PDB file of N, CA and C in Angstrom:
ATOM      1  N   MET A   1     108.004 156.690 100.011  1.00  0.00           N
ATOM      2  CA  MET A   1     108.464 156.692  99.022  1.00  0.00           C
ATOM      3  C   MET A   1     107.393 158.152  97.820  1.00  0.00           C
ATOM      4  N   SER A   2     107.784 158.871  97.572  1.00  0.00           N
ATOM      5  CA  SER A   2     106.919 159.832  96.386  1.00  0.00           C
ATOM      6  C   SER A   2     106.866 158.694  95.134  1.00  0.00           C
ATOM      7  N   ASN A   3     105.699 158.498  95.564  1.00  0.00           N
ATOM      8  CA  ASN A   3     105.003 157.418  94.790  1.00  0.00           C
ATOM      9  C   ASN A   3     104.974 157.884  92.856  1.00  0.00           C
ATOM     10  N   SER A   4     105.276 159.311  92.354  1.00  0.00           N
ATOM     11  CA  SER A   4     104.900 159.687  91.391  1.00  0.00           C
ATOM     12  C   SER A   4     106.488 159.411  90.823  1.00  0.00           C
ATOM     13  N   ARG A   5     107.381 160.101  91.988  1.00  0.00           N
ATOM     14  CA  ARG A   5     108.971 159.336  91.181  1.00  0.00           C
ATOM     15  C   ARG A   5     109.120 158.245  90.773  1.00  0.00           C
ATOM     16  N   LEU A   6     108.609 156.900  91.540  1.00  0.00           N
ATOM     17  CA  LEU A   6     108.836 156.165  91.523  1.00  0.00           C
ATOM     18  C   LEU A   6     108.525 155.359  90.267  1.00  0.00           C
ATOM     19  N   GLU A   7     106.753 155.848  90.187  1.00  0.00           N
ATOM     20  CA  GLU A   7     106.097 155.670  89.561  1.00  0.00           C
ATOM     21  C   GLU A   7     106.645 156.650  87.995  1.00  0.00           C
ATOM     22  N   ASN A   8     107.267 157.833  87.673  1.00  0.00           N
ATOM     23  CA  ASN A   8     108.066 158.236  87.238  1.00  0.00           C
ATOM     24  C   ASN A   8     108.928 156.870  86.006  1.00  0.00           C
ATOM     25  N   ILE A   9     109.936 156.756  87.039  1.00  0.00           N
ATOM     26  CA  ILE A   9     111.389 155.855  86.895  1.00  0.00           C
ATOM     27  C   ILE A   9     110.583 154.656  86.170  1.00  0.00           C
ATOM     28  N   GLN A  10     109.693 154.089  86.825  1.00  0.00           N
ATOM     29  CA  GLN A  10     109.299 152.834  86.264  1.00  0.00           C
ATOM     30  C   GLN A  10     108.614 152.415  84.895  1.00  0.00           C
ATOM     31  N   GLU A  11     107.799 153.751  84.749  1.00  0.00           N
ATOM     32  CA  GLU A  11     107.322 153.733  83.229  1.00  0.00           C
ATOM     33  C   GLU A  11     108.364 154.429  81.964  1.00  0.00           C
ATOM     34  N   MET A  12     109.612 155.184  82.498  1.00  0.00           N
ATOM     35  CA  MET A  12     111.022 154.954  81.588  1.00  0.00           C
ATOM     36  C   MET A  12     111.477 154.252  81.711  1.00  0.00           C
ATOM     37  N   LEU A  13     111.756 153.188  82.050  1.00  0.00           N
ATOM     38  CA  LEU A  13     111.943 151.612  82.561  1.00  0.00           C
ATOM     39  C   LEU A  13     111.435 150.822  81.905  1.00  0.00           C
ATOM     40  N   LYS A  14     110.315 151.215  81.256  1.00  0.00           N
ATOM     41  CA  LYS A  14     108.985 150.294  80.129  1.00  0.00           C
ATOM     42  C   LYS A  14     109.886 149.876  78.964  1.00  0.00           C
ATOM     43  N   SER A  15     110.466 151.462  78.254  1.00  0.00           N
ATOM     44  CA  SER A  15     110.599 151.707  77.081  1.00  0.00           C
ATOM     45  C   SER A  15     112.483 151.773  77.673  1.00  0.00           C
ATOM     46  N   GLU A  16     113.576 151.378  78.373  1.00  0.00           N
ATOM     47  CA  GLU A  16     114.387 151.110  78.497  1.00  0.00           C
ATOM     48  C   GLU A  16     114.829 150.602  79.676  1.00  0.00           C
ATOM     49  N   PRO A  17     114.813 149.296  79.773  1.00  0.00           N
ATOM     50  CA  PRO A  17     114.682 148.097  80.506  1.00  0.00           C
ATOM     51  C   PRO A  17     116.388 148.010  81.335  1.00  0.00           C
ATOM     52  N   GLU A  18     116.891 148.036  80.304  1.00  0.00           N
ATOM     53  CA  GLU A  18     118.468 147.916  80.521  1.00  0.00           C
ATOM     54  C   GLU A  18     119.350 149.493  80.988  1.00  0.00           C
ATOM     55  N   ASP A  19     118.520 150.644  80.843  1.00  0.00           N
ATOM     56  CA  ASP A  19     119.320 151.563  80.991  1.00  0.00           C
ATOM     57  C   ASP A  19     120.079 151.824  82.666  1.00  0.00           C
ATOM     58  N   SER A  20     121.045 151.723  83.812  1.00  0.00           N
ATOM     59  CA  SER A  20     122.111 151.803  84.561  1.00  0.00           C
ATOM     60  C   SER A  20     121.380 152.889  85.331  1.00  0.00           C
ATOM     61  N   PHE A  21     121.493 154.150  84.604  1.00  0.00           N
ATOM     62  CA  PHE A  21     120.825 155.368  85.360  1.00  0.00           C
ATOM     63  C   PHE A  21     119.337 154.934  85.698  1.00  0.00           C
ATOM     64  N   LEU A  22     118.600 154.468  84.973  1.00  0.00           N
ATOM     65  CA  LEU A  22     117.364 154.478  85.649  1.00  0.00           C
ATOM     66  C   LEU A  22     116.962 153.265  86.183  1.00  0.00           C
ATOM     67  N   ASN A  23     118.047 151.779  86.544  1.00  0.00           N
ATOM     68  CA  ASN A  23     117.827 151.155  87.164  1.00  0.00           C
ATOM     69  C   ASN A  23     118.701 151.319  89.054  1.00  0.00           C
ATOM     70  N   TYR A  24     119.763 152.233  88.706  1.00  0.00           N
ATOM     71  CA  TYR A  24     120.326 152.705  89.981  1.00  0.00           C
ATOM     72  C   TYR A  24     119.329 153.789  90.788  1.00  0.00           C
ATOM     73  N   ALA A  25     118.746 154.409  89.772  1.00  0.00           N
ATOM     74  CA  ALA A  25     117.357 155.841  90.210  1.00  0.00           C
ATOM     75  C   ALA A  25     116.604 155.442  90.979  1.00  0.00           C
ATOM     76  N   LEU A  26     115.985 153.715  90.584  1.00  0.00           N
ATOM     77  CA  LEU A  26     115.010 152.891  91.384  1.00  0.00           C
ATOM     78  C   LEU A  26     115.362 152.618  92.658  1.00  0.00           C
ATOM     79  N   ALA A  27     116.883 151.994  92.633  1.00  0.00           N
ATOM     80  CA  ALA A  27     117.281 150.756  94.064  1.00  0.00           C
ATOM     81  C   ALA A  27     117.059 152.291  95.117  1.00  0.00           C
ATOM     82  N   LEU A  28     118.158 153.375  94.463  1.00  0.00           N
ATOM     83  CA  LEU A  28     117.626 154.622  95.493  1.00  0.00           C
ATOM     84  C   LEU A  28     116.536 155.114  96.114  1.00  0.00           C
ATOM     85  N   GLU A  29     115.072 154.797  95.085  1.00  0.00           N
ATOM     86  CA  GLU A  29     114.126 155.320  95.917  1.00  0.00           C
ATOM     87  C   GLU A  29     113.695 154.173  96.772  1.00  0.00           C
ATOM     88  N   TYR A  30     113.949 152.965  96.515  1.00  0.00           N
ATOM     89  CA  TYR A  30     113.563 151.791  97.460  1.00  0.00           C
ATOM     90  C   TYR A  30     114.172 151.924  99.033  1.00  0.00           C
ATOM     91  N   ALA A  31     115.705 152.593  98.561  1.00  0.00           N
ATOM     92  CA  ALA A  31     115.991 152.443  99.612  1.00  0.00           C
ATOM     93  C   ALA A  31     115.186 153.784 100.603  1.00  0.00           C
ATOM     94  N   LYS A  32     115.467 154.974 100.325  1.00  0.00           N
ATOM     95  CA  LYS A  32     114.751 155.494 100.461  1.00  0.00           C
ATOM     96  C   LYS A  32     113.277 155.365 101.384  1.00  0.00           C
ATOM     97  N   ALA A  33     112.918 154.697 100.765  1.00  0.00           N
ATOM     98  CA  ALA A  33     111.312 154.206 101.276  1.00  0.00           C
ATOM     99  C   ALA A  33     111.266 153.371 102.738  1.00  0.00           C
ATOM    100  N   GLY A  34     113.096 152.712 102.536  1.00  0.00           N
ATOM    101  CA  GLY A  34     113.382 151.840 104.045  1.00  0.00           C
ATOM    102  C   GLY A  34     113.349 150.434 103.063  1.00  0.00           C
ATOM    103  N   ASP A  35     113.318 150.202 102.090  1.00  0.00           N
ATOM    104  CA  ASP A  35     113.324 148.958 101.828  1.00  0.00           C
ATOM    105  C   ASP A  35     114.235 148.597 101.020  1.00  0.00           C
ATOM    106  N   ILE A  36     115.641 148.216 102.141  1.00  0.00           N
ATOM    107  CA  ILE A  36     116.871 148.041 101.768  1.00  0.00           C
ATOM    108  C   ILE A  36     116.899 147.060 100.977  1.00  0.00           C
ATOM    109  N   LYS A  37     116.414 145.733 101.379  1.00  0.00           N
ATOM    110  CA  LYS A  37     116.663 144.316 100.458  1.00  0.00           C
ATOM    111  C   LYS A  37     116.514 144.698  98.878  1.00  0.00           C
ATOM    112  N   LYS A  38     115.556 145.601  98.847  1.00  0.00           N
ATOM    113  CA  LYS A  38     115.007 145.379  97.501  1.00  0.00           C
ATOM    114  C   LYS A  38     116.202 146.564  96.757  1.00  0.00           C
ATOM    115  N   ALA A  39     116.371 147.761  97.135  1.00  0.00           N
ATOM    116  CA  ALA A  39     117.644 147.947  96.778  1.00  0.00           C
ATOM    117  C   ALA A  39     118.678 147.629  96.400  1.00  0.00           C
ATOM    118  N   ILE A  40     119.363 146.379  97.462  1.00  0.00           N
ATOM    119  CA  ILE A  40     120.196 145.625  97.143  1.00  0.00           C
ATOM    120  C   ILE A  40     120.093 145.183  96.070  1.00  0.00           C
ATOM    121  N   SER A  41     119.022 144.159  96.064  1.00  0.00           N
ATOM    122  CA  SER A  41     118.323 143.551  94.907  1.00  0.00           C
ATOM    123  C   SER A  41     118.614 144.333  93.409  1.00  0.00           C
ATOM    124  N   LEU A  42     118.192 145.433  92.924  1.00  0.00           N
ATOM    125  CA  LEU A  42     118.394 145.898  91.575  1.00  0.00           C
ATOM    126  C   LEU A  42     119.758 146.336  91.487  1.00  0.00           C
ATOM    127  N   ILE A  43     120.712 146.769  92.506  1.00  0.00           N
ATOM    128  CA  ILE A  43     121.631 147.417  92.081  1.00  0.00           C
ATOM    129  C   ILE A  43     122.367 146.115  91.894  1.00  0.00           C
ATOM    130  N   GLU A  44     122.300 144.844  92.145  1.00  0.00           N
ATOM    131  CA  GLU A  44     123.240 143.624  92.312  1.00  0.00           C
ATOM    132  C   GLU A  44     122.504 142.746  90.530  1.00  0.00           C
ATOM    133  N   GLN A  45     121.680 142.848  90.861  1.00  0.00           N
ATOM    134  CA  GLN A  45     120.345 143.194  89.301  1.00  0.00           C
ATOM    135  C   GLN A  45     121.352 144.686  88.065  1.00  0.00           C
ATOM    136  N   LEU A  46     121.819 145.176  88.648  1.00  0.00           N
ATOM    137  CA  LEU A  46     122.230 145.842  87.397  1.00  0.00           C
ATOM    138  C   LEU A  46     123.747 146.082  87.311  1.00  0.00           C
ATOM    139  N   HIS A  47     124.400 145.196  88.309  1.00  0.00           N
ATOM    140  CA  HIS A  47     126.426 145.324  88.692  1.00  0.00           C
ATOM    141  C   HIS A  47     126.122 143.726  87.439  1.00  0.00           C
ATOM    142  N   ALA A  48     124.822 143.043  87.422  1.00  0.00           N
ATOM    143  CA  ALA A  48     124.546 141.666  86.751  1.00  0.00           C
ATOM    144  C   ALA A  48     125.167 142.342  85.088  1.00  0.00           C
ATOM    145  N   ARG A  49     124.679 143.319  84.802  1.00  0.00           N
ATOM    146  CA  ARG A  49     123.956 143.342  83.295  1.00  0.00           C
ATOM    147  C   ARG A  49     125.527 144.802  82.991  1.00  0.00           C
ATOM    148  N   ASP A  50     125.528 145.764  83.891  1.00  0.00           N
ATOM    149  CA  ASP A  50     126.780 146.217  83.794  1.00  0.00           C
ATOM    150  C   ASP A  50     127.542 146.631  85.291  1.00  0.00           C
ATOM    151  N   GLU A  51     129.087 145.463  84.716  1.00  0.00           N
ATOM    152  CA  GLU A  51     129.456 145.677  85.753  1.00  0.00           C
ATOM    153  C   GLU A  51     130.490 146.950  85.829  1.00  0.00           C
ATOM    154  N   ASN A  52     130.501 147.601  85.082  1.00  0.00           N
ATOM    155  CA  ASN A  52     131.454 148.757  85.152  1.00  0.00           C
ATOM    156  C   ASN A  52     130.905 150.182  86.038  1.00  0.00           C
ATOM    157  N   TYR A  53     129.403 149.991  86.132  1.00  0.00           N
ATOM    158  CA  TYR A  53     129.234 150.741  86.604  1.00  0.00           C
ATOM    159  C   TYR A  53     128.970 151.594  87.362  1.00  0.00           C
ATOM    160  N   LEU A  54     130.004 151.960  87.695  1.00  0.00           N
ATOM    161  CA  LEU A  54     130.965 152.683  89.050  1.00  0.00           C
ATOM    162  C   LEU A  54     129.952 153.332  89.905  1.00  0.00           C
ATOM    163  N   GLY A  55     129.369 154.011  89.407  1.00  0.00           N
ATOM    164  CA  GLY A  55     128.104 154.640  90.816  1.00  0.00           C
ATOM    165  C   GLY A  55     127.767 153.845  91.727  1.00  0.00           C
ATOM    166  N   ALA A  56     127.450 152.277  91.348  1.00  0.00           N
ATOM    167  CA  ALA A  56     126.812 152.383  92.512  1.00  0.00           C
ATOM    168  C   ALA A  56     127.316 151.129  93.098  1.00  0.00           C
ATOM    169  N   TYR A  57     128.483 151.009  93.367  1.00  0.00           N
ATOM    170  CA  TYR A  57     129.593 150.111  94.062  1.00  0.00           C
ATOM    171  C   TYR A  57     129.275 151.366  95.709  1.00  0.00           C
ATOM    172  N   TYR A  58     129.863 151.887  95.807  1.00  0.00           N
ATOM    173  CA  TYR A  58     129.698 152.772  97.113  1.00  0.00           C
ATOM    174  C   TYR A  58     128.509 152.561  97.576  1.00  0.00           C
ATOM    175  N   GLN A  59     127.271 153.137  96.945  1.00  0.00           N
ATOM    176  CA  GLN A  59     125.770 152.740  97.251  1.00  0.00           C
ATOM    177  C   GLN A  59     125.342 151.265  98.105  1.00  0.00           C
ATOM    178  N   LEU A  60     126.106 150.619  97.796  1.00  0.00           N
ATOM    179  CA  LEU A  60     126.137 149.194  97.658  1.00  0.00           C
ATOM    180  C   LEU A  60     126.287 148.514  98.861  1.00  0.00           C
ATOM    181  N   GLY A  61     127.208 149.183  98.671  1.00  0.00           N
ATOM    182  CA  GLY A  61     128.204 148.835  99.618  1.00  0.00           C
ATOM    183  C   GLY A  61     127.995 149.187 101.630  1.00  0.00           C
ATOM    184  N   GLN A  62     127.520 150.645 101.017  1.00  0.00           N
ATOM    185  CA  GLN A  62     126.685 150.945 102.145  1.00  0.00           C
ATOM    186  C   GLN A  62     125.165 150.489 102.746  1.00  0.00           C
ATOM    187  N   PHE A  63     124.475 150.072 101.536  1.00  0.00           N
ATOM    188  CA  PHE A  63     123.520 149.141 101.553  1.00  0.00           C
ATOM    189  C   PHE A  63     123.508 148.319 102.299  1.00  0.00           C
ATOM    190  N   TYR A  64     124.904 147.306 101.932  1.00  0.00           N
ATOM    191  CA  TYR A  64     124.838 146.036 102.317  1.00  0.00           C
ATOM    192  C   TYR A  64     125.357 145.802 104.071  1.00  0.00           C
ATOM    193  N   GLU A  65     126.114 147.426 104.743  1.00  0.00           N
ATOM    194  CA  GLU A  65     126.405 147.624 105.746  1.00  0.00           C
ATOM    195  C   GLU A  65     124.950 147.817 106.100  1.00  0.00           C
ATOM    196  N   GLN A  66     124.016 148.417 106.050  1.00  0.00           N
ATOM    197  CA  GLN A  66     122.759 148.872 106.546  1.00  0.00           C
ATOM    198  C   GLN A  66     122.311 147.421 106.792  1.00  0.00           C
ATOM    199  N   ASN A  67     122.418 146.212 105.824  1.00  0.00           N
ATOM    200  CA  ASN A  67     121.826 145.233 105.763  1.00  0.00           C
ATOM    201  C   ASN A  67     122.488 144.152 106.787  1.00  0.00           C
ATOM    202  N   GLU A  68     123.280 144.595 107.285  1.00  0.00           N
ATOM    203  CA  GLU A  68     124.548 143.465 108.346  1.00  0.00           C
ATOM    204  C   GLU A  68     124.949 142.535 107.401  1.00  0.00           C
ATOM    205  N   GLN A  69     125.674 143.199 106.116  1.00  0.00           N
ATOM    206  CA  GLN A  69     126.019 142.242 105.169  1.00  0.00           C
ATOM    207  C   GLN A  69     127.751 142.649 105.206  1.00  0.00           C
ATOM    208  N   ARG A  70     128.391 142.789 105.906  1.00  0.00           N
ATOM    209  CA  ARG A  70     129.832 143.364 105.992  1.00  0.00           C
ATOM    210  C   ARG A  70     130.614 142.597 105.043  1.00  0.00           C
ATOM    211  N   ASP A  71     130.589 141.519 105.003  1.00  0.00           N
ATOM    212  CA  ASP A  71     131.509 140.515 103.878  1.00  0.00           C
ATOM    213  C   ASP A  71     130.707 141.162 102.485  1.00  0.00           C
ATOM    214  N   SER A  72     130.019 141.230 102.619  1.00  0.00           N
ATOM    215  CA  SER A  72     129.533 142.000 101.264  1.00  0.00           C
ATOM    216  C   SER A  72     129.521 143.099 101.019  1.00  0.00           C
ATOM    217  N   ALA A  73     129.837 143.899 102.174  1.00  0.00           N
ATOM    218  CA  ALA A  73     130.331 145.361 101.621  1.00  0.00           C
ATOM    219  C   ALA A  73     131.414 145.496 101.523  1.00  0.00           C
ATOM    220  N   VAL A  74     132.512 144.763 101.944  1.00  0.00           N
ATOM    221  CA  VAL A  74     133.500 144.744 101.643  1.00  0.00           C
ATOM    222  C   VAL A  74     134.216 143.974  99.973  1.00  0.00           C
ATOM    223  N   THR A  75     133.407 142.993  99.493  1.00  0.00           N
ATOM    224  CA  THR A  75     133.547 142.807  97.918  1.00  0.00           C
ATOM    225  C   THR A  75     132.893 143.940  97.093  1.00  0.00           C
ATOM    226  N   ALA A  76     131.945 144.492  97.570  1.00  0.00           N
ATOM    227  CA  ALA A  76     131.299 145.730  96.827  1.00  0.00           C
ATOM    228  C   ALA A  76     132.535 147.095  96.638  1.00  0.00           C
ATOM    229  N   TYR A  77     133.191 147.274  98.078  1.00  0.00           N
ATOM    230  CA  TYR A  77     134.050 148.152  97.770  1.00  0.00           C
ATOM    231  C   TYR A  77     135.320 147.923  96.967  1.00  0.00           C
ATOM    232  N   LYS A  78     135.485 146.756  97.124  1.00  0.00           N
ATOM    233  CA  LYS A  78     137.050 146.301  96.908  1.00  0.00           C
ATOM    234  C   LYS A  78     136.664 145.902  95.319  1.00  0.00           C
ATOM    235  N   LYS A  79     135.825 145.786  94.703  1.00  0.00           N
ATOM    236  CA  LYS A  79     135.281 145.587  93.480  1.00  0.00           C
ATOM    237  C   LYS A  79     134.966 146.511  92.671  1.00  0.00           C
ATOM    238  N   GLY A  80     134.787 147.897  93.134  1.00  0.00           N
ATOM    239  CA  GLY A  80     134.474 149.173  93.325  1.00  0.00           C
ATOM    240  C   GLY A  80     135.880 149.689  92.589  1.00  0.00           C
ATOM    241  N   ILE A  81     136.547 149.563  93.932  1.00  0.00           N
ATOM    242  CA  ILE A  81     138.153 149.994  93.265  1.00  0.00           C
ATOM    243  C   ILE A  81     138.874 149.509  92.366  1.00  0.00           C
ATOM    244  N   ALA A  82     138.366 148.151  91.952  1.00  0.00           N
ATOM    245  CA  ALA A  82     139.190 147.842  90.855  1.00  0.00           C
ATOM    246  C   ALA A  82     138.959 148.618  89.440  1.00  0.00           C
ATOM    247  N   ILE A  83     137.167 148.774  89.356  1.00  0.00           N
ATOM    248  CA  ILE A  83     136.670 149.251  88.597  1.00  0.00           C
ATOM    249  C   ILE A  83     137.557 150.681  88.302  1.00  0.00           C
ATOM    250  N   ALA A  84     137.340 151.608  88.760  1.00  0.00           N
ATOM    251  CA  ALA A  84     138.035 152.932  89.850  1.00  0.00           C
ATOM    252  C   ALA A  84     139.306 152.667  89.087  1.00  0.00           C
ATOM    253  N   GLU A  85     139.970 152.021  89.343  1.00  0.00           N
ATOM    254  CA  GLU A  85     141.717 152.149  88.607  1.00  0.00           C
ATOM    255  C   GLU A  85     142.191 151.894  87.750  1.00  0.00           C
ATOM    256  N   LEU A  86     140.668 151.086  86.794  1.00  0.00           N
ATOM    257  CA  LEU A  86     140.548 150.934  85.692  1.00  0.00           C
ATOM    258  C   LEU A  86     140.513 152.247  84.650  1.00  0.00           C
ATOM    259  N   LYS A  87     139.391 152.640  85.313  1.00  0.00           N
ATOM    260  CA  LYS A  87     139.001 153.960  84.544  1.00  0.00           C
ATOM    261  C   LYS A  87     140.093 155.026  85.042  1.00  0.00           C
ATOM    262  N   LYS A  88     140.493 155.102  85.996  1.00  0.00           N
ATOM    263  CA  LYS A  88     141.688 156.218  86.625  1.00  0.00           C
ATOM    264  C   LYS A  88     141.138 157.103  87.266  1.00  0.00           C
ATOM    265  N   ASP A  89     139.232 156.356  87.962  1.00  0.00           N
ATOM    266  CA  ASP A  89     138.877 157.756  88.286  1.00  0.00           C
ATOM    267  C   ASP A  89     139.205 157.569  90.096  1.00  0.00           C
ATOM    268  N   ARG A  90     140.511 158.569  89.873  1.00  0.00           N
ATOM    269  CA  ARG A  90     140.803 159.159  91.662  1.00  0.00           C
ATOM    270  C   ARG A  90     139.770 159.476  92.471  1.00  0.00           C
ATOM    271  N   LYS A  91     138.821 159.981  92.257  1.00  0.00           N
ATOM    272  CA  LYS A  91     137.496 160.112  93.171  1.00  0.00           C
ATOM    273  C   LYS A  91     136.614 158.906  93.478  1.00  0.00           C
ATOM    274  N   SER A  92     136.620 158.503  93.017  1.00  0.00           N
ATOM    275  CA  SER A  92     136.127 156.882  93.176  1.00  0.00           C
ATOM    276  C   SER A  92     136.689 156.240  94.207  1.00  0.00           C
ATOM    277  N   ILE A  93     137.858 155.873  93.855  1.00  0.00           N
ATOM    278  CA  ILE A  93     139.473 155.082  94.373  1.00  0.00           C
ATOM    279  C   ILE A  93     139.214 155.801  95.979  1.00  0.00           C
ATOM    280  N   SER A  94     138.896 157.109  96.137  1.00  0.00           N
ATOM    281  CA  SER A  94     139.377 157.718  97.129  1.00  0.00           C
ATOM    282  C   SER A  94     138.124 157.270  97.753  1.00  0.00           C
ATOM    283  N   GLU A  95     137.282 157.737  97.481  1.00  0.00           N
ATOM    284  CA  GLU A  95     136.246 157.239  97.902  1.00  0.00           C
ATOM    285  C   GLU A  95     135.421 155.914  98.706  1.00  0.00           C
ATOM    286  N   LEU A  96     135.372 155.166  97.652  1.00  0.00           N
ATOM    287  CA  LEU A  96     135.402 153.426  97.707  1.00  0.00           C
ATOM    288  C   LEU A  96     136.730 153.431  99.243  1.00  0.00           C
ATOM    289  N   ASN A  97     137.982 154.050  98.827  1.00  0.00           N
ATOM    290  CA  ASN A  97     139.160 153.408  99.700  1.00  0.00           C
ATOM    291  C   ASN A  97     138.494 153.608 101.016  1.00  0.00           C
ATOM    292  N   GLU A  98     138.278 154.878 101.606  1.00  0.00           N
ATOM    293  CA  GLU A  98     137.618 155.886 102.626  1.00  0.00           C
ATOM    294  C   GLU A  98     136.480 154.992 103.386  1.00  0.00           C
ATOM    295  N   ALA A  99     135.312 153.889 102.906  1.00  0.00           N
ATOM    296  CA  ALA A  99     134.577 153.466 103.199  1.00  0.00           C
ATOM    297  C   ALA A  99     135.147 151.520 103.257  1.00  0.00           C
ATOM    298  N   LEU A 100     135.866 151.392 102.982  1.00  0.00           N
ATOM    299  CA  LEU A 100     136.125 149.765 103.354  1.00  0.00           C
ATOM    300  C   LEU A 100     137.291 150.251 104.307  1.00  0.00           C
ATOM    301  N   MET A 101     138.207 151.197 104.314  1.00  0.00           N
ATOM    302  CA  MET A 101     138.822 151.404 105.468  1.00  0.00           C
ATOM    303  C   MET A 101     137.940 151.698 106.741  1.00  0.00           C
ATOM    304  N   MET A 102     136.761 152.226 107.155  1.00  0.00           N
ATOM    305  CA  MET A 102     135.716 152.701 107.969  1.00  0.00           C
ATOM    306  C   MET A 102     135.239 151.570 108.277  1.00  0.00           C
ATOM    307  N   LEU A 103     135.070 150.308 107.421  1.00  0.00           N
ATOM    308  CA  LEU A 103     134.808 149.388 107.651  1.00  0.00           C
ATOM    309  C   LEU A 103     135.372 148.677 108.284  1.00  0.00           C
ATOM    310  N   GLU A 104     136.767 148.338 108.222  1.00  0.00           N
ATOM    311  CA  GLU A 104     137.162 147.519 108.526  1.00  0.00           C
ATOM    312  C   GLU A 104     138.355 147.601 109.756  1.00  0.00           C
ATOM    313  N   ASP A 105     137.856 149.218 110.266  1.00  0.00           N
ATOM    314  CA  ASP A 105     138.551 149.826 111.717  1.00  0.00           C
ATOM    315  C   ASP A 105     137.644 148.664 112.672  1.00  0.00           C
TER     316      ASP A 105
END
């Protein structure tokens, strides 16, 4: 894990702890380092504060899959699809539906 990148994100979070993008970026850094459980925890916390942060649903589903939590992955994809439909975000709907279909095969 690039300590400087991780440290930079953590430093920015000190002044903006609720920033959804920064929290998402932090989760991705932990995932890159192989700490999927920490990444999941961070995205779950992010969604507890900002359930409309659409970009994180696909990644959360992927992390759940990597952590062999199939049911949680399905739930994440379906929740993301529902939010994407409300936002009329066809690209996200398509990506999330594809991930869901691949998981259910």
